[in-house]
Amino acid sequence: MAAQRVLVAEDDPDIGLLIDFKLAQAGLDVITVADGAVVLDRARATEPDLFLLDVHLPGRSGLELCADLRQDPITRDKPIMLLSGGAHQWEIDEGLAAGANEYLVKPFSPAKLLEHVQNLLSAP
């Protein structure tokens, strides 16, 4: 069975490397991009099982991408987790209203991230 594929859109190189390392260590196939403008094309080309999107990306925001992914027949049912330093309830509500399944506030522990990812990938 092929490894589940996760597309990570994170513009902070250190956070991107941490996420990539933790998810790859758990046996997931990770595709990392740093610019929101390439996410939709990469999603269509690689058909990931899960999206991790930073809210504040160059090119296109994670919120815009979340809404776009929900409109696309190929990606609309795939789980989406937003990552952000914004911890206000209105920011979390905005992310969930855009279609995200989860909203994880930075900084987060790698173990907590992996727990959320595994939960999303195993949900029916």
PDB file of N, CA and C in Angstrom:
ATOM      1  N   MET A   1       0.843  -1.177   0.000  1.00  0.00           N
ATOM      2  CA  MET A   1       0.000   0.000   0.000  1.00  0.00           C
ATOM      3  C   MET A   1       0.891   1.243   0.000  1.00  0.00           C
ATOM      4  N   ALA A   2       0.553   2.205  -0.835  1.00  0.00           N
ATOM      5  CA  ALA A   2       1.342   3.432  -0.930  1.00  0.00           C
ATOM      6  C   ALA A   2       1.146   4.281   0.316  1.00  0.00           C
ATOM      7  N   ALA A   3       2.187   5.021   0.648  1.00  0.00           N
ATOM      8  CA  ALA A   3       2.108   5.937   1.798  1.00  0.00           C
ATOM      9  C   ALA A   3       1.091   7.027   1.500  1.00  0.00           C
ATOM     10  N   GLN A   4       0.411   7.469   2.537  1.00  0.00           N
ATOM     11  CA  GLN A   4      -0.509   8.582   2.367  1.00  0.00           C
ATOM     12  C   GLN A   4       0.303   9.843   2.099  1.00  0.00           C
ATOM     13  N   ARG A   5      -0.250  10.706   1.256  1.00  0.00           N
ATOM     14  CA  ARG A   5       0.462  11.889   0.791  1.00  0.00           C
ATOM     15  C   ARG A   5      -0.124  13.137   1.447  1.00  0.00           C
ATOM     16  N   VAL A   6       0.777  13.992   1.946  1.00  0.00           N
ATOM     17  CA  VAL A   6       0.380  15.243   2.592  1.00  0.00           C
ATOM     18  C   VAL A   6       1.050  16.392   1.857  1.00  0.00           C
ATOM     19  N   LEU A   7       0.240  17.383   1.451  1.00  0.00           N
ATOM     20  CA  LEU A   7       0.788  18.590   0.850  1.00  0.00           C
ATOM     21  C   LEU A   7       0.863  19.649   1.942  1.00  0.00           C
ATOM     22  N   VAL A   8       2.067  20.132   2.189  1.00  0.00           N
ATOM     23  CA  VAL A   8       2.317  21.142   3.215  1.00  0.00           C
ATOM     24  C   VAL A   8       2.661  22.450   2.524  1.00  0.00           C
ATOM     25  N   ALA A   9       1.903  23.497   2.821  1.00  0.00           N
ATOM     26  CA  ALA A   9       2.194  24.833   2.306  1.00  0.00           C
ATOM     27  C   ALA A   9       2.600  25.696   3.487  1.00  0.00           C
ATOM     28  N   GLU A  10       3.900  25.922   3.610  1.00  0.00           N
ATOM     29  CA  GLU A  10       4.465  26.658   4.751  1.00  0.00           C
ATOM     30  C   GLU A  10       5.634  27.484   4.244  1.00  0.00           C
ATOM     31  N   ASP A  11       5.582  28.807   4.482  1.00  0.00           N
ATOM     32  CA  ASP A  11       6.642  29.672   3.962  1.00  0.00           C
ATOM     33  C   ASP A  11       7.805  29.870   4.926  1.00  0.00           C
ATOM     34  N   ASP A  12       7.667  29.451   6.157  1.00  0.00           N
ATOM     35  CA  ASP A  12       8.785  29.530   7.105  1.00  0.00           C
ATOM     36  C   ASP A  12       9.626  28.262   6.929  1.00  0.00           C
ATOM     37  N   PRO A  13      10.867  28.393   6.435  1.00  0.00           N
ATOM     38  CA  PRO A  13      11.662  27.198   6.135  1.00  0.00           C
ATOM     39  C   PRO A  13      11.902  26.300   7.348  1.00  0.00           C
ATOM     40  N   ASP A  14      12.088  26.880   8.521  1.00  0.00           N
ATOM     41  CA  ASP A  14      12.334  26.058   9.707  1.00  0.00           C
ATOM     42  C   ASP A  14      11.099  25.233  10.080  1.00  0.00           C
ATOM     43  N   ILE A  15       9.944  25.869  10.045  1.00  0.00           N
ATOM     44  CA  ILE A  15       8.710  25.144  10.368  1.00  0.00           C
ATOM     45  C   ILE A  15       8.438  24.098   9.291  1.00  0.00           C
ATOM     46  N   GLY A  16       8.666  24.461   8.032  1.00  0.00           N
ATOM     47  CA  GLY A  16       8.478  23.509   6.940  1.00  0.00           C
ATOM     48  C   GLY A  16       9.346  22.272   7.097  1.00  0.00           C
ATOM     49  N   LEU A  17      10.611  22.466   7.461  1.00  0.00           N
ATOM     50  CA  LEU A  17      11.515  21.324   7.676  1.00  0.00           C
ATOM     51  C   LEU A  17      11.075  20.468   8.850  1.00  0.00           C
ATOM     52  N   LEU A  18      10.630  21.107   9.923  1.00  0.00           N
ATOM     53  CA  LEU A  18      10.152  20.374  11.093  1.00  0.00           C
ATOM     54  C   LEU A  18       8.940  19.514  10.733  1.00  0.00           C
ATOM     55  N   ILE A  19       7.988  20.101  10.026  1.00  0.00           N
ATOM     56  CA  ILE A  19       6.793  19.363   9.621  1.00  0.00           C
ATOM     57  C   ILE A  19       7.174  18.214   8.703  1.00  0.00           C
ATOM     58  N   ASP A  20       8.002  18.509   7.706  1.00  0.00           N
ATOM     59  CA  ASP A  20       8.431  17.485   6.760  1.00  0.00           C
ATOM     60  C   ASP A  20       9.099  16.321   7.479  1.00  0.00           C
ATOM     61  N   PHE A  21      10.011  16.628   8.390  1.00  0.00           N
ATOM     62  CA  PHE A  21      10.727  15.593   9.131  1.00  0.00           C
ATOM     63  C   PHE A  21       9.773  14.734   9.950  1.00  0.00           C
ATOM     64  N   LYS A  22       8.884  15.372  10.698  1.00  0.00           N
ATOM     65  CA  LYS A  22       7.985  14.637  11.586  1.00  0.00           C
ATOM     66  C   LYS A  22       7.031  13.744  10.802  1.00  0.00           C
ATOM     67  N   LEU A  23       6.484  14.265   9.715  1.00  0.00           N
ATOM     68  CA  LEU A  23       5.536  13.475   8.927  1.00  0.00           C
ATOM     69  C   LEU A  23       6.236  12.355   8.162  1.00  0.00           C
ATOM     70  N   ALA A  24       7.409  12.629   7.617  1.00  0.00           N
ATOM     71  CA  ALA A  24       8.165  11.588   6.912  1.00  0.00           C
ATOM     72  C   ALA A  24       8.588  10.493   7.882  1.00  0.00           C
ATOM     73  N   GLN A  25       8.952  10.883   9.092  1.00  0.00           N
ATOM     74  CA  GLN A  25       9.333   9.920  10.129  1.00  0.00           C
ATOM     75  C   GLN A  25       8.168   8.976  10.446  1.00  0.00           C
ATOM     76  N   ALA A  26       6.939   9.475  10.281  1.00  0.00           N
ATOM     77  CA  ALA A  26       5.746   8.668  10.534  1.00  0.00           C
ATOM     78  C   ALA A  26       5.324   7.861   9.305  1.00  0.00           C
ATOM     79  N   GLY A  27       6.131   7.915   8.237  1.00  0.00           N
ATOM     80  CA  GLY A  27       5.861   7.114   7.057  1.00  0.00           C
ATOM     81  C   GLY A  27       4.965   7.773   6.021  1.00  0.00           C
ATOM     82  N   LEU A  28       4.751   9.068   6.142  1.00  0.00           N
ATOM     83  CA  LEU A  28       3.921   9.778   5.183  1.00  0.00           C
ATOM     84  C   LEU A  28       4.776  10.349   4.054  1.00  0.00           C
ATOM     85  N   ASP A  29       4.193  10.442   2.887  1.00  0.00           N
ATOM     86  CA  ASP A  29       4.837  11.056   1.732  1.00  0.00           C
ATOM     87  C   ASP A  29       4.505  12.544   1.795  1.00  0.00           C
ATOM     88  N   VAL A  30       5.521  13.402   1.920  1.00  0.00           N
ATOM     89  CA  VAL A  30       5.307  14.833   2.148  1.00  0.00           C
ATOM     90  C   VAL A  30       5.775  15.632   0.942  1.00  0.00           C
ATOM     91  N   ILE A  31       4.894  16.519   0.487  1.00  0.00           N
ATOM     92  CA  ILE A  31       5.210  17.471  -0.566  1.00  0.00           C
ATOM     93  C   ILE A  31       5.138  18.839   0.087  1.00  0.00           C
ATOM     94  N   THR A  32       6.229  19.595   0.063  1.00  0.00           N
ATOM     95  CA  THR A  32       6.263  20.891   0.726  1.00  0.00           C
ATOM     96  C   THR A  32       6.444  21.999  -0.301  1.00  0.00           C
ATOM     97  N   VAL A  33       5.606  23.031  -0.179  1.00  0.00           N
ATOM     98  CA  VAL A  33       5.722  24.217  -1.015  1.00  0.00           C
ATOM     99  C   VAL A  33       5.738  25.434  -0.100  1.00  0.00           C
ATOM    100  N   ALA A  34       6.344  26.523  -0.580  1.00  0.00           N
ATOM    101  CA  ALA A  34       6.467  27.723   0.245  1.00  0.00           C
ATOM    102  C   ALA A  34       5.634  28.889  -0.274  1.00  0.00           C
ATOM    103  N   ASP A  35       4.917  28.689  -1.371  1.00  0.00           N
ATOM    104  CA  ASP A  35       4.155  29.769  -1.986  1.00  0.00           C
ATOM    105  C   ASP A  35       2.742  29.290  -2.273  1.00  0.00           C
ATOM    106  N   GLY A  36       1.763  30.033  -1.795  1.00  0.00           N
ATOM    107  CA  GLY A  36       0.373  29.654  -1.991  1.00  0.00           C
ATOM    108  C   GLY A  36      -0.054  29.613  -3.445  1.00  0.00           C
ATOM    109  N   ALA A  37       0.656  30.337  -4.308  1.00  0.00           N
ATOM    110  CA  ALA A  37       0.284  30.398  -5.719  1.00  0.00           C
ATOM    111  C   ALA A  37       0.444  29.055  -6.424  1.00  0.00           C
ATOM    112  N   VAL A  38       1.237  28.142  -5.897  1.00  0.00           N
ATOM    113  CA  VAL A  38       1.479  26.857  -6.568  1.00  0.00           C
ATOM    114  C   VAL A  38       0.682  25.705  -5.962  1.00  0.00           C
ATOM    115  N   VAL A  39      -0.035  25.953  -4.891  1.00  0.00           N
ATOM    116  CA  VAL A  39      -0.713  24.866  -4.179  1.00  0.00           C
ATOM    117  C   VAL A  39      -1.739  24.152  -5.056  1.00  0.00           C
ATOM    118  N   LEU A  40      -2.594  24.885  -5.740  1.00  0.00           N
ATOM    119  CA  LEU A  40      -3.650  24.232  -6.516  1.00  0.00           C
ATOM    120  C   LEU A  40      -3.080  23.381  -7.644  1.00  0.00           C
ATOM    121  N   ASP A  41      -2.074  23.890  -8.350  1.00  0.00           N
ATOM    122  CA  ASP A  41      -1.446  23.094  -9.405  1.00  0.00           C
ATOM    123  C   ASP A  41      -0.786  21.853  -8.829  1.00  0.00           C
ATOM    124  N   ARG A  42      -0.083  22.009  -7.711  1.00  0.00           N
ATOM    125  CA  ARG A  42       0.581  20.869  -7.084  1.00  0.00           C
ATOM    126  C   ARG A  42      -0.449  19.856  -6.571  1.00  0.00           C
ATOM    127  N   ALA A  43      -1.578  20.356  -6.081  1.00  0.00           N
ATOM    128  CA  ALA A  43      -2.631  19.465  -5.595  1.00  0.00           C
ATOM    129  C   ALA A  43      -3.192  18.616  -6.734  1.00  0.00           C
ATOM    130  N   ARG A  44      -3.414  19.237  -7.864  1.00  0.00           N
ATOM    131  CA  ARG A  44      -3.944  18.494  -9.015  1.00  0.00           C
ATOM    132  C   ARG A  44      -2.935  17.479  -9.544  1.00  0.00           C
ATOM    133  N   ALA A  45      -1.661  17.831  -9.479  1.00  0.00           N
ATOM    134  CA  ALA A  45      -0.617  16.945 -10.001  1.00  0.00           C
ATOM    135  C   ALA A  45      -0.314  15.775  -9.074  1.00  0.00           C
ATOM    136  N   THR A  46      -0.459  15.967  -7.770  1.00  0.00           N
ATOM    137  CA  THR A  46      -0.028  14.936  -6.823  1.00  0.00           C
ATOM    138  C   THR A  46      -1.170  14.263  -6.063  1.00  0.00           C
ATOM    139  N   GLU A  47      -2.375  14.840  -6.093  1.00  0.00           N
ATOM    140  CA  GLU A  47      -3.550  14.302  -5.421  1.00  0.00           C
ATOM    141  C   GLU A  47      -3.268  13.876  -3.971  1.00  0.00           C
ATOM    142  N   PRO A  48      -2.938  14.833  -3.118  1.00  0.00           N
ATOM    143  CA  PRO A  48      -2.651  14.503  -1.717  1.00  0.00           C
ATOM    144  C   PRO A  48      -3.892  14.026  -0.963  1.00  0.00           C
ATOM    145  N   ASP A  49      -3.638  13.312   0.122  1.00  0.00           N
ATOM    146  CA  ASP A  49      -4.708  12.821   0.991  1.00  0.00           C
ATOM    147  C   ASP A  49      -5.072  13.831   2.062  1.00  0.00           C
ATOM    148  N   LEU A  50      -4.194  14.815   2.289  1.00  0.00           N
ATOM    149  CA  LEU A  50      -4.390  15.813   3.337  1.00  0.00           C
ATOM    150  C   LEU A  50      -3.613  17.076   2.954  1.00  0.00           C
ATOM    151  N   PHE A  51      -4.171  18.227   3.355  1.00  0.00           N
ATOM    152  CA  PHE A  51      -3.516  19.513   3.137  1.00  0.00           C
ATOM    153  C   PHE A  51      -3.219  20.172   4.480  1.00  0.00           C
ATOM    154  N   LEU A  52      -1.985  20.636   4.655  1.00  0.00           N
ATOM    155  CA  LEU A  52      -1.609  21.480   5.797  1.00  0.00           C
ATOM    156  C   LEU A  52      -1.249  22.830   5.208  1.00  0.00           C
ATOM    157  N   LEU A  53      -2.036  23.854   5.530  1.00  0.00           N
ATOM    158  CA  LEU A  53      -1.867  25.165   4.913  1.00  0.00           C
ATOM    159  C   LEU A  53      -1.612  26.230   5.959  1.00  0.00           C
ATOM    160  N   ASP A  54      -0.497  26.928   5.818  1.00  0.00           N
ATOM    161  CA  ASP A  54      -0.254  28.101   6.642  1.00  0.00           C
ATOM    162  C   ASP A  54      -1.264  29.162   6.219  1.00  0.00           C
ATOM    163  N   VAL A  55      -1.854  29.857   7.167  1.00  0.00           N
ATOM    164  CA  VAL A  55      -2.834  30.887   6.841  1.00  0.00           C
ATOM    165  C   VAL A  55      -2.183  32.037   6.085  1.00  0.00           C
ATOM    166  N   HIS A  56      -0.981  32.433   6.484  1.00  0.00           N
ATOM    167  CA  HIS A  56      -0.306  33.597   5.897  1.00  0.00           C
ATOM    168  C   HIS A  56       0.793  33.155   4.944  1.00  0.00           C
ATOM    169  N   LEU A  57       0.399  32.863   3.711  1.00  0.00           N
ATOM    170  CA  LEU A  57       1.339  32.443   2.672  1.00  0.00           C
ATOM    171  C   LEU A  57       1.490  33.556   1.632  1.00  0.00           C
ATOM    172  N   PRO A  58       2.657  33.658   1.015  1.00  0.00           N
ATOM    173  CA  PRO A  58       2.761  34.563  -0.131  1.00  0.00           C
ATOM    174  C   PRO A  58       2.003  33.956  -1.319  1.00  0.00           C
ATOM    175  N   GLY A  59       1.548  34.782  -2.207  1.00  0.00           N
ATOM    176  CA  GLY A  59       0.853  34.292  -3.401  1.00  0.00           C
ATOM    177  C   GLY A  59      -0.641  34.158  -3.187  1.00  0.00           C
ATOM    178  N   ARG A  60      -1.036  33.276  -2.323  1.00  0.00           N
ATOM    179  CA  ARG A  60      -2.445  33.064  -1.945  1.00  0.00           C
ATOM    180  C   ARG A  60      -2.459  32.638  -0.486  1.00  0.00           C
ATOM    181  N   SER A  61      -3.397  33.172   0.245  1.00  0.00           N
ATOM    182  CA  SER A  61      -3.471  32.836   1.666  1.00  0.00           C
ATOM    183  C   SER A  61      -4.045  31.427   1.861  1.00  0.00           C
ATOM    184  N   GLY A  62      -3.764  30.861   3.006  1.00  0.00           N
ATOM    185  CA  GLY A  62      -4.323  29.557   3.341  1.00  0.00           C
ATOM    186  C   GLY A  62      -5.841  29.573   3.360  1.00  0.00           C
ATOM    187  N   LEU A  63      -6.432  30.695   3.757  1.00  0.00           N
ATOM    188  CA  LEU A  63      -7.896  30.802   3.759  1.00  0.00           C
ATOM    189  C   LEU A  63      -8.450  30.762   2.337  1.00  0.00           C
ATOM    190  N   GLU A  64      -7.825  31.491   1.419  1.00  0.00           N
ATOM    191  CA  GLU A  64      -8.251  31.467   0.016  1.00  0.00           C
ATOM    192  C   GLU A  64      -8.094  30.061  -0.564  1.00  0.00           C
ATOM    193  N   LEU A  65      -6.971  29.447  -0.265  1.00  0.00           N
ATOM    194  CA  LEU A  65      -6.712  28.106  -0.785  1.00  0.00           C
ATOM    195  C   LEU A  65      -7.708  27.096  -0.232  1.00  0.00           C
ATOM    196  N   CYS A  66      -8.018  27.227   1.034  1.00  0.00           N
ATOM    197  CA  CYS A  66      -8.976  26.332   1.661  1.00  0.00           C
ATOM    198  C   CYS A  66     -10.311  26.408   0.927  1.00  0.00           C
ATOM    199  N   ALA A  67     -10.790  27.616   0.685  1.00  0.00           N
ATOM    200  CA  ALA A  67     -12.060  27.797  -0.029  1.00  0.00           C
ATOM    201  C   ALA A  67     -11.965  27.228  -1.450  1.00  0.00           C
ATOM    202  N   ASP A  68     -10.848  27.461  -2.134  1.00  0.00           N
ATOM    203  CA  ASP A  68     -10.671  26.940  -3.489  1.00  0.00           C
ATOM    204  C   ASP A  68     -10.649  25.416  -3.511  1.00  0.00           C
ATOM    205  N   LEU A  69      -9.954  24.811  -2.548  1.00  0.00           N
ATOM    206  CA  LEU A  69      -9.878  23.354  -2.479  1.00  0.00           C
ATOM    207  C   LEU A  69     -11.252  22.741  -2.235  1.00  0.00           C
ATOM    208  N   ARG A  70     -12.094  23.421  -1.492  1.00  0.00           N
ATOM    209  CA  ARG A  70     -13.450  22.936  -1.221  1.00  0.00           C
ATOM    210  C   ARG A  70     -14.347  23.027  -2.460  1.00  0.00           C
ATOM    211  N   GLN A  71     -13.985  23.886  -3.411  1.00  0.00           N
ATOM    212  CA  GLN A  71     -14.762  24.042  -4.640  1.00  0.00           C
ATOM    213  C   GLN A  71     -14.340  23.056  -5.736  1.00  0.00           C
ATOM    214  N   ASP A  72     -13.139  22.520  -5.637  1.00  0.00           N
ATOM    215  CA  ASP A  72     -12.593  21.647  -6.675  1.00  0.00           C
ATOM    216  C   ASP A  72     -13.080  20.215  -6.457  1.00  0.00           C
ATOM    217  N   PRO A  73     -13.685  19.578  -7.482  1.00  0.00           N
ATOM    218  CA  PRO A  73     -14.194  18.211  -7.308  1.00  0.00           C
ATOM    219  C   PRO A  73     -13.127  17.194  -6.897  1.00  0.00           C
ATOM    220  N   ILE A  74     -11.883  17.430  -7.269  1.00  0.00           N
ATOM    221  CA  ILE A  74     -10.801  16.489  -6.933  1.00  0.00           C
ATOM    222  C   ILE A  74     -10.398  16.598  -5.466  1.00  0.00           C
ATOM    223  N   THR A  75     -10.481  17.794  -4.896  1.00  0.00           N
ATOM    224  CA  THR A  75      -9.959  18.012  -3.541  1.00  0.00           C
ATOM    225  C   THR A  75     -11.027  18.334  -2.499  1.00  0.00           C
ATOM    226  N   ARG A  76     -12.264  18.518  -2.909  1.00  0.00           N
ATOM    227  CA  ARG A  76     -13.271  19.031  -1.973  1.00  0.00           C
ATOM    228  C   ARG A  76     -13.500  18.175  -0.743  1.00  0.00           C
ATOM    229  N   ASP A  77     -13.260  16.879  -0.828  1.00  0.00           N
ATOM    230  CA  ASP A  77     -13.499  16.000   0.318  1.00  0.00           C
ATOM    231  C   ASP A  77     -12.236  15.660   1.106  1.00  0.00           C
ATOM    232  N   LYS A  78     -11.108  16.209   0.696  1.00  0.00           N
ATOM    233  CA  LYS A  78      -9.844  15.936   1.394  1.00  0.00           C
ATOM    234  C   LYS A  78      -9.761  16.786   2.661  1.00  0.00           C
ATOM    235  N   PRO A  79      -9.235  16.228   3.739  1.00  0.00           N
ATOM    236  CA  PRO A  79      -9.103  17.021   4.964  1.00  0.00           C
ATOM    237  C   PRO A  79      -8.075  18.141   4.813  1.00  0.00           C
ATOM    238  N   ILE A  80      -8.377  19.254   5.486  1.00  0.00           N
ATOM    239  CA  ILE A  80      -7.510  20.433   5.460  1.00  0.00           C
ATOM    240  C   ILE A  80      -7.265  20.888   6.894  1.00  0.00           C
ATOM    241  N   MET A  81      -5.991  21.098   7.223  1.00  0.00           N
ATOM    242  CA  MET A  81      -5.623  21.683   8.506  1.00  0.00           C
ATOM    243  C   MET A  81      -4.937  23.010   8.232  1.00  0.00           C
ATOM    244  N   LEU A  82      -5.431  24.063   8.869  1.00  0.00           N
ATOM    245  CA  LEU A  82      -4.787  25.363   8.781  1.00  0.00           C
ATOM    246  C   LEU A  82      -3.811  25.518   9.940  1.00  0.00           C
ATOM    247  N   LEU A  83      -2.681  26.135   9.658  1.00  0.00           N
ATOM    248  CA  LEU A  83      -1.665  26.422  10.661  1.00  0.00           C
ATOM    249  C   LEU A  83      -1.489  27.932  10.731  1.00  0.00           C
ATOM    250  N   SER A  84      -1.488  28.482  11.939  1.00  0.00           N
ATOM    251  CA  SER A  84      -1.345  29.932  12.046  1.00  0.00           C
ATOM    252  C   SER A  84      -0.899  30.343  13.425  1.00  0.00           C
ATOM    253  N   GLY A  85      -0.237  31.487  13.475  1.00  0.00           N
ATOM    254  CA  GLY A  85       0.106  32.098  14.746  1.00  0.00           C
ATOM    255  C   GLY A  85      -1.080  32.841  15.340  1.00  0.00           C
ATOM    256  N   GLY A  86      -2.137  33.006  14.552  1.00  0.00           N
ATOM    257  CA  GLY A  86      -3.333  33.698  15.034  1.00  0.00           C
ATOM    258  C   GLY A  86      -4.141  32.814  15.957  1.00  0.00           C
ATOM    259  N   ALA A  87      -4.191  33.191  17.212  1.00  0.00           N
ATOM    260  CA  ALA A  87      -4.863  32.354  18.207  1.00  0.00           C
ATOM    261  C   ALA A  87      -6.183  32.940  18.689  1.00  0.00           C
ATOM    262  N   HIS A  88      -6.627  34.047  18.086  1.00  0.00           N
ATOM    263  CA  HIS A  88      -7.902  34.630  18.491  1.00  0.00           C
ATOM    264  C   HIS A  88      -9.037  33.741  17.996  1.00  0.00           C
ATOM    265  N   GLN A  89     -10.091  33.670  18.757  1.00  0.00           N
ATOM    266  CA  GLN A  89     -11.210  32.818  18.377  1.00  0.00           C
ATOM    267  C   GLN A  89     -11.787  33.200  17.011  1.00  0.00           C
ATOM    268  N   TRP A  90     -11.831  34.495  16.699  1.00  0.00           N
ATOM    269  CA  TRP A  90     -12.380  34.917  15.409  1.00  0.00           C
ATOM    270  C   TRP A  90     -11.527  34.399  14.249  1.00  0.00           C
ATOM    271  N   GLU A  91     -10.200  34.275  14.461  1.00  0.00           N
ATOM    272  CA  GLU A  91      -9.324  33.743  13.416  1.00  0.00           C
ATOM    273  C   GLU A  91      -9.577  32.256  13.210  1.00  0.00           C
ATOM    274  N   ILE A  92      -9.738  31.555  14.297  1.00  0.00           N
ATOM    275  CA  ILE A  92     -10.040  30.124  14.225  1.00  0.00           C
ATOM    276  C   ILE A  92     -11.389  29.922  13.546  1.00  0.00           C
ATOM    277  N   ASP A  93     -12.388  30.697  13.950  1.00  0.00           N
ATOM    278  CA  ASP A  93     -13.717  30.600  13.343  1.00  0.00           C
ATOM    279  C   ASP A  93     -13.670  30.884  11.846  1.00  0.00           C
ATOM    280  N   GLU A  94     -12.886  31.892  11.460  1.00  0.00           N
ATOM    281  CA  GLU A  94     -12.741  32.242  10.047  1.00  0.00           C
ATOM    282  C   GLU A  94     -12.136  31.073   9.262  1.00  0.00           C
ATOM    283  N   GLY A  95     -11.131  30.426   9.829  1.00  0.00           N
ATOM    284  CA  GLY A  95     -10.502  29.282   9.167  1.00  0.00           C
ATOM    285  C   GLY A  95     -11.447  28.109   9.016  1.00  0.00           C
ATOM    286  N   LEU A  96     -12.209  27.815  10.047  1.00  0.00           N
ATOM    287  CA  LEU A  96     -13.161  26.716   9.976  1.00  0.00           C
ATOM    288  C   LEU A  96     -14.298  27.046   9.009  1.00  0.00           C
ATOM    289  N   ALA A  97     -14.713  28.308   8.972  1.00  0.00           N
ATOM    290  CA  ALA A  97     -15.761  28.727   8.038  1.00  0.00           C
ATOM    291  C   ALA A  97     -15.293  28.628   6.584  1.00  0.00           C
ATOM    292  N   ALA A  98     -13.988  28.762   6.355  1.00  0.00           N
ATOM    293  CA  ALA A  98     -13.436  28.637   5.007  1.00  0.00           C
ATOM    294  C   ALA A  98     -13.408  27.189   4.537  1.00  0.00           C
ATOM    295  N   GLY A  99     -13.646  26.253   5.464  1.00  0.00           N
ATOM    296  CA  GLY A  99     -13.705  24.849   5.086  1.00  0.00           C
ATOM    297  C   GLY A  99     -12.667  23.959   5.732  1.00  0.00           C
ATOM    298  N   ALA A 100     -11.845  24.494   6.611  1.00  0.00           N
ATOM    299  CA  ALA A 100     -10.823  23.673   7.273  1.00  0.00           C
ATOM    300  C   ALA A 100     -11.467  22.692   8.249  1.00  0.00           C
ATOM    301  N   ASN A 101     -10.868  21.530   8.351  1.00  0.00           N
ATOM    302  CA  ASN A 101     -11.303  20.540   9.339  1.00  0.00           C
ATOM    303  C   ASN A 101     -10.679  20.801  10.701  1.00  0.00           C
ATOM    304  N   GLU A 102      -9.471  21.355  10.685  1.00  0.00           N
ATOM    305  CA  GLU A 102      -8.720  21.620  11.913  1.00  0.00           C
ATOM    306  C   GLU A 102      -8.000  22.948  11.756  1.00  0.00           C
ATOM    307  N   TYR A 103      -7.700  23.560  12.903  1.00  0.00           N
ATOM    308  CA  TYR A 103      -6.935  24.806  12.939  1.00  0.00           C
ATOM    309  C   TYR A 103      -5.949  24.645  14.082  1.00  0.00           C
ATOM    310  N   LEU A 104      -4.669  24.579  13.759  1.00  0.00           N
ATOM    311  CA  LEU A 104      -3.640  24.375  14.765  1.00  0.00           C
ATOM    312  C   LEU A 104      -2.835  25.658  14.926  1.00  0.00           C
ATOM    313  N   VAL A 105      -2.753  26.135  16.155  1.00  0.00           N
ATOM    314  CA  VAL A 105      -2.080  27.396  16.455  1.00  0.00           C
ATOM    315  C   VAL A 105      -0.589  27.161  16.665  1.00  0.00           C
ATOM    316  N   LYS A 106       0.226  28.003  16.028  1.00  0.00           N
ATOM    317  CA  LYS A 106       1.680  27.985  16.213  1.00  0.00           C
ATOM    318  C   LYS A 106       2.006  28.796  17.469  1.00  0.00           C
ATOM    319  N   PRO A 107       3.016  28.429  18.192  1.00  0.00           N
ATOM    320  CA  PRO A 107       3.843  27.241  18.009  1.00  0.00           C
ATOM    321  C   PRO A 107       3.096  25.994  18.487  1.00  0.00           C
ATOM    322  N   PHE A 108       3.391  24.884  17.869  1.00  0.00           N
ATOM    323  CA  PHE A 108       2.778  23.616  18.228  1.00  0.00           C
ATOM    324  C   PHE A 108       3.884  22.593  18.408  1.00  0.00           C
ATOM    325  N   SER A 109       3.594  21.568  19.169  1.00  0.00           N
ATOM    326  CA  SER A 109       4.583  20.506  19.334  1.00  0.00           C
ATOM    327  C   SER A 109       4.490  19.564  18.137  1.00  0.00           C
ATOM    328  N   PRO A 110       5.608  19.011  17.687  1.00  0.00           N
ATOM    329  CA  PRO A 110       5.560  18.046  16.591  1.00  0.00           C
ATOM    330  C   PRO A 110       4.651  16.860  16.902  1.00  0.00           C
ATOM    331  N   ALA A 111       4.624  16.430  18.153  1.00  0.00           N
ATOM    332  CA  ALA A 111       3.762  15.308  18.529  1.00  0.00           C
ATOM    333  C   ALA A 111       2.288  15.667  18.367  1.00  0.00           C
ATOM    334  N   LYS A 112       1.923  16.894  18.745  1.00  0.00           N
ATOM    335  CA  LYS A 112       0.534  17.352  18.612  1.00  0.00           C
ATOM    336  C   LYS A 112       0.157  17.445  17.135  1.00  0.00           C
ATOM    337  N   LEU A 113       1.057  17.961  16.310  1.00  0.00           N
ATOM    338  CA  LEU A 113       0.815  18.033  14.877  1.00  0.00           C
ATOM    339  C   LEU A 113       0.551  16.632  14.316  1.00  0.00           C
ATOM    340  N   LEU A 114       1.417  15.689  14.633  1.00  0.00           N
ATOM    341  CA  LEU A 114       1.279  14.332  14.125  1.00  0.00           C
ATOM    342  C   LEU A 114      -0.031  13.707  14.603  1.00  0.00           C
ATOM    343  N   GLU A 115      -0.405  13.949  15.830  1.00  0.00           N
ATOM    344  CA  GLU A 115      -1.674  13.424  16.358  1.00  0.00           C
ATOM    345  C   GLU A 115      -2.852  13.939  15.523  1.00  0.00           C
ATOM    346  N   HIS A 116      -2.868  15.237  15.231  1.00  0.00           N
ATOM    347  CA  HIS A 116      -3.944  15.820  14.429  1.00  0.00           C
ATOM    348  C   HIS A 116      -3.930  15.257  13.009  1.00  0.00           C
ATOM    349  N   VAL A 117      -2.752  15.130  12.426  1.00  0.00           N
ATOM    350  CA  VAL A 117      -2.634  14.593  11.064  1.00  0.00           C
ATOM    351  C   VAL A 117      -3.155  13.157  11.017  1.00  0.00           C
ATOM    352  N   GLN A 118      -2.746  12.339  11.954  1.00  0.00           N
ATOM    353  CA  GLN A 118      -3.195  10.947  11.964  1.00  0.00           C
ATOM    354  C   GLN A 118      -4.702  10.848  12.161  1.00  0.00           C
ATOM    355  N   ASN A 119      -5.255  11.699  13.014  1.00  0.00           N
ATOM    356  CA  ASN A 119      -6.705  11.706  13.226  1.00  0.00           C
ATOM    357  C   ASN A 119      -7.440  12.068  11.934  1.00  0.00           C
ATOM    358  N   LEU A 120      -6.944  13.089  11.229  1.00  0.00           N
ATOM    359  CA  LEU A 120      -7.590  13.503   9.990  1.00  0.00           C
ATOM    360  C   LEU A 120      -7.487  12.436   8.911  1.00  0.00           C
ATOM    361  N   LEU A 121      -6.338  11.780   8.828  1.00  0.00           N
ATOM    362  CA  LEU A 121      -6.146  10.756   7.798  1.00  0.00           C
ATOM    363  C   LEU A 121      -6.947   9.479   8.084  1.00  0.00           C
ATOM    364  N   SER A 122      -7.259   9.242   9.339  1.00  0.00           N
ATOM    365  CA  SER A 122      -8.005   8.019   9.669  1.00  0.00           C
ATOM    366  C   SER A 122      -9.508   8.252   9.784  1.00  0.00           C
ATOM    367  N   ALA A 123      -9.940   9.506   9.692  1.00  0.00           N
ATOM    368  CA  ALA A 123     -11.377   9.802   9.788  1.00  0.00           C
ATOM    369  C   ALA A 123     -12.094   9.281   8.537  1.00  0.00           C
ATOM    370  N   PRO A 124     -13.319   8.803   8.730  1.00  0.00           N
ATOM    371  CA  PRO A 124     -14.070   8.293   7.561  1.00  0.00           C
ATOM    372  C   PRO A 124     -14.460   9.388   6.592  1.00  0.00           C
TER     373      PRO A 124
END
